[in-house]
Amino acid sequence: MTFIELISSLKMGGSGYAVAKKLKITPSTFYKYENGTKLPSNETLDRIIKTYDLDPMKTYLSAYAERIDNPEIANKFRNLKTH
């Protein structure tokens, strides 16, 4: 799963505004995450994990994969087995 897919799934039929409010970030920041133009800090990743009870390894791997310029390596990074 890409980080964009992960962050978009947090809306669960709701709005990005509601997710942003819950995560204590601006709606603009949430939409930048969702559009792939910005990646969250580790602090925000931790808040996402805690708020939505997500697997920390999968969440960090999906976010950090977005920082890898080589698509093949990024895909392998996203698909690493966490358990």
C-alpha atoms as a PDB file:
ATOM      1  CA  MET A   1       0.000   0.000   0.000  1.00  0.00           C
ATOM      2  CA  THR A   2       1.306   3.442  -0.869  1.00  0.00           C
ATOM      3  CA  PHE A   3       1.235   6.218   1.686  1.00  0.00           C
ATOM      4  CA  ILE A   4      -1.263   8.088  -0.486  1.00  0.00           C
ATOM      5  CA  GLU A   5      -3.601   5.087  -0.359  1.00  0.00           C
ATOM      6  CA  LEU A   6      -3.085   4.785   3.381  1.00  0.00           C
ATOM      7  CA  ILE A   7      -3.769   8.464   4.121  1.00  0.00           C
ATOM      8  CA  SER A   8      -6.801   8.494   1.802  1.00  0.00           C
ATOM      9  CA  SER A   9      -8.248   5.441   3.559  1.00  0.00           C
ATOM     10  CA  LEU A  10      -8.357   7.385   6.839  1.00  0.00           C
ATOM     11  CA  LYS A  11     -11.321   9.367   5.525  1.00  0.00           C
ATOM     12  CA  MET A  12     -13.501   6.216   5.573  1.00  0.00           C
ATOM     13  CA  GLY A  13     -16.320   7.967   3.754  1.00  0.00           C
ATOM     14  CA  GLY A  14     -15.776  11.174   5.722  1.00  0.00           C
ATOM     15  CA  SER A  15     -13.821  14.261   4.854  1.00  0.00           C
ATOM     16  CA  GLY A  16     -10.175  15.199   4.808  1.00  0.00           C
ATOM     17  CA  TYR A  17     -11.104  18.119   7.036  1.00  0.00           C
ATOM     18  CA  ALA A  18     -12.349  15.728   9.749  1.00  0.00           C
ATOM     19  CA  VAL A  19      -9.173  13.635   9.546  1.00  0.00           C
ATOM     20  CA  ALA A  20      -7.009  16.762   9.708  1.00  0.00           C
ATOM     21  CA  LYS A  21      -8.864  17.992  12.771  1.00  0.00           C
ATOM     22  CA  LYS A  22      -8.489  14.610  14.461  1.00  0.00           C
ATOM     23  CA  LEU A  23      -4.739  14.563  13.698  1.00  0.00           C
ATOM     24  CA  LYS A  24      -4.279  18.207  14.749  1.00  0.00           C
ATOM     25  CA  ILE A  25      -2.959  19.269  11.355  1.00  0.00           C
ATOM     26  CA  THR A  26      -4.362  21.759   8.884  1.00  0.00           C
ATOM     27  CA  PRO A  27      -6.693  20.563   6.134  1.00  0.00           C
ATOM     28  CA  SER A  28      -4.158  21.954   3.651  1.00  0.00           C
ATOM     29  CA  THR A  29      -1.457  19.710   5.111  1.00  0.00           C
ATOM     30  CA  PHE A  30      -3.752  16.672   4.940  1.00  0.00           C
ATOM     31  CA  TYR A  31      -4.520  17.355   1.269  1.00  0.00           C
ATOM     32  CA  LYS A  32      -0.783  17.698   0.544  1.00  0.00           C
ATOM     33  CA  TYR A  33      -0.235  14.266   2.106  1.00  0.00           C
ATOM     34  CA  GLU A  34      -3.145  12.875   0.100  1.00  0.00           C
ATOM     35  CA  ASN A  35      -1.806  14.351  -3.152  1.00  0.00           C
ATOM     36  CA  GLY A  36       1.743  13.183  -2.490  1.00  0.00           C
ATOM     37  CA  THR A  37       3.247  16.668  -2.422  1.00  0.00           C
ATOM     38  CA  LYS A  38       4.271  16.460   1.236  1.00  0.00           C
ATOM     39  CA  LEU A  39       5.231  13.704   3.651  1.00  0.00           C
ATOM     40  CA  PRO A  40       4.506  13.801   7.381  1.00  0.00           C
ATOM     41  CA  SER A  41       7.087  14.178  10.095  1.00  0.00           C
ATOM     42  CA  ASN A  42       7.805  11.229  12.365  1.00  0.00           C
ATOM     43  CA  GLU A  43       5.746  12.952  15.059  1.00  0.00           C
ATOM     44  CA  THR A  44       2.748  13.140  12.736  1.00  0.00           C
ATOM     45  CA  LEU A  45       3.256   9.539  11.621  1.00  0.00           C
ATOM     46  CA  ASP A  46       3.192   8.495  15.277  1.00  0.00           C
ATOM     47  CA  ARG A  47      -0.029  10.467  15.791  1.00  0.00           C
ATOM     48  CA  ILE A  48      -1.598   8.800  12.727  1.00  0.00           C
ATOM     49  CA  ILE A  49      -0.594   5.370  14.036  1.00  0.00           C
ATOM     50  CA  LYS A  50      -1.950   6.032  17.519  1.00  0.00           C
ATOM     51  CA  THR A  51      -5.159   7.766  16.410  1.00  0.00           C
ATOM     52  CA  TYR A  52      -6.133   5.132  13.846  1.00  0.00           C
ATOM     53  CA  ASP A  53      -4.540   2.108  15.559  1.00  0.00           C
ATOM     54  CA  LEU A  54      -2.376   1.310  12.529  1.00  0.00           C
ATOM     55  CA  ASP A  55       0.569  -1.059  12.300  1.00  0.00           C
ATOM     56  CA  PRO A  56       3.646   1.118  12.942  1.00  0.00           C
ATOM     57  CA  MET A  57       5.945  -0.805  10.592  1.00  0.00           C
ATOM     58  CA  LYS A  58       3.516  -0.741   7.666  1.00  0.00           C
ATOM     59  CA  THR A  59       2.808   2.943   8.199  1.00  0.00           C
ATOM     60  CA  TYR A  60       6.467   3.957   8.384  1.00  0.00           C
ATOM     61  CA  LEU A  61       7.419   1.720   5.448  1.00  0.00           C
ATOM     62  CA  SER A  62       4.679   3.187   3.259  1.00  0.00           C
ATOM     63  CA  ALA A  63       5.678   6.750   4.145  1.00  0.00           C
ATOM     64  CA  TYR A  64       9.417   6.217   3.791  1.00  0.00           C
ATOM     65  CA  ALA A  65       8.975   4.383   0.476  1.00  0.00           C
ATOM     66  CA  GLU A  66       7.682   7.664  -0.950  1.00  0.00           C
ATOM     67  CA  ARG A  67      11.115   9.203  -0.311  1.00  0.00           C
ATOM     68  CA  ILE A  68      12.879   6.629  -2.502  1.00  0.00           C
ATOM     69  CA  ASP A  69      13.390   7.869  -6.059  1.00  0.00           C
ATOM     70  CA  ASN A  70      13.823   4.418  -7.604  1.00  0.00           C
ATOM     71  CA  PRO A  71      10.296   3.022  -8.226  1.00  0.00           C
ATOM     72  CA  GLU A  72      11.419  -0.614  -8.150  1.00  0.00           C
ATOM     73  CA  ILE A  73      13.166  -0.218  -4.790  1.00  0.00           C
ATOM     74  CA  ALA A  74      10.306   1.885  -3.382  1.00  0.00           C
ATOM     75  CA  ASN A  75       7.844  -0.856  -4.305  1.00  0.00           C
ATOM     76  CA  LYS A  76       9.994  -3.509  -2.632  1.00  0.00           C
ATOM     77  CA  PHE A  77      10.236  -1.301   0.438  1.00  0.00           C
ATOM     78  CA  ARG A  78       6.419  -0.947   0.610  1.00  0.00           C
ATOM     79  CA  ASN A  79       5.977  -4.686   0.326  1.00  0.00           C
ATOM     80  CA  LEU A  80       8.430  -5.754   3.022  1.00  0.00           C
ATOM     81  CA  LYS A  81       6.892  -8.307   5.354  1.00  0.00           C
ATOM     82  CA  THR A  82       6.392  -6.818   8.789  1.00  0.00           C
ATOM     83  CA  HIS A  83       5.524  -9.986  10.699  1.00  0.00           C
END
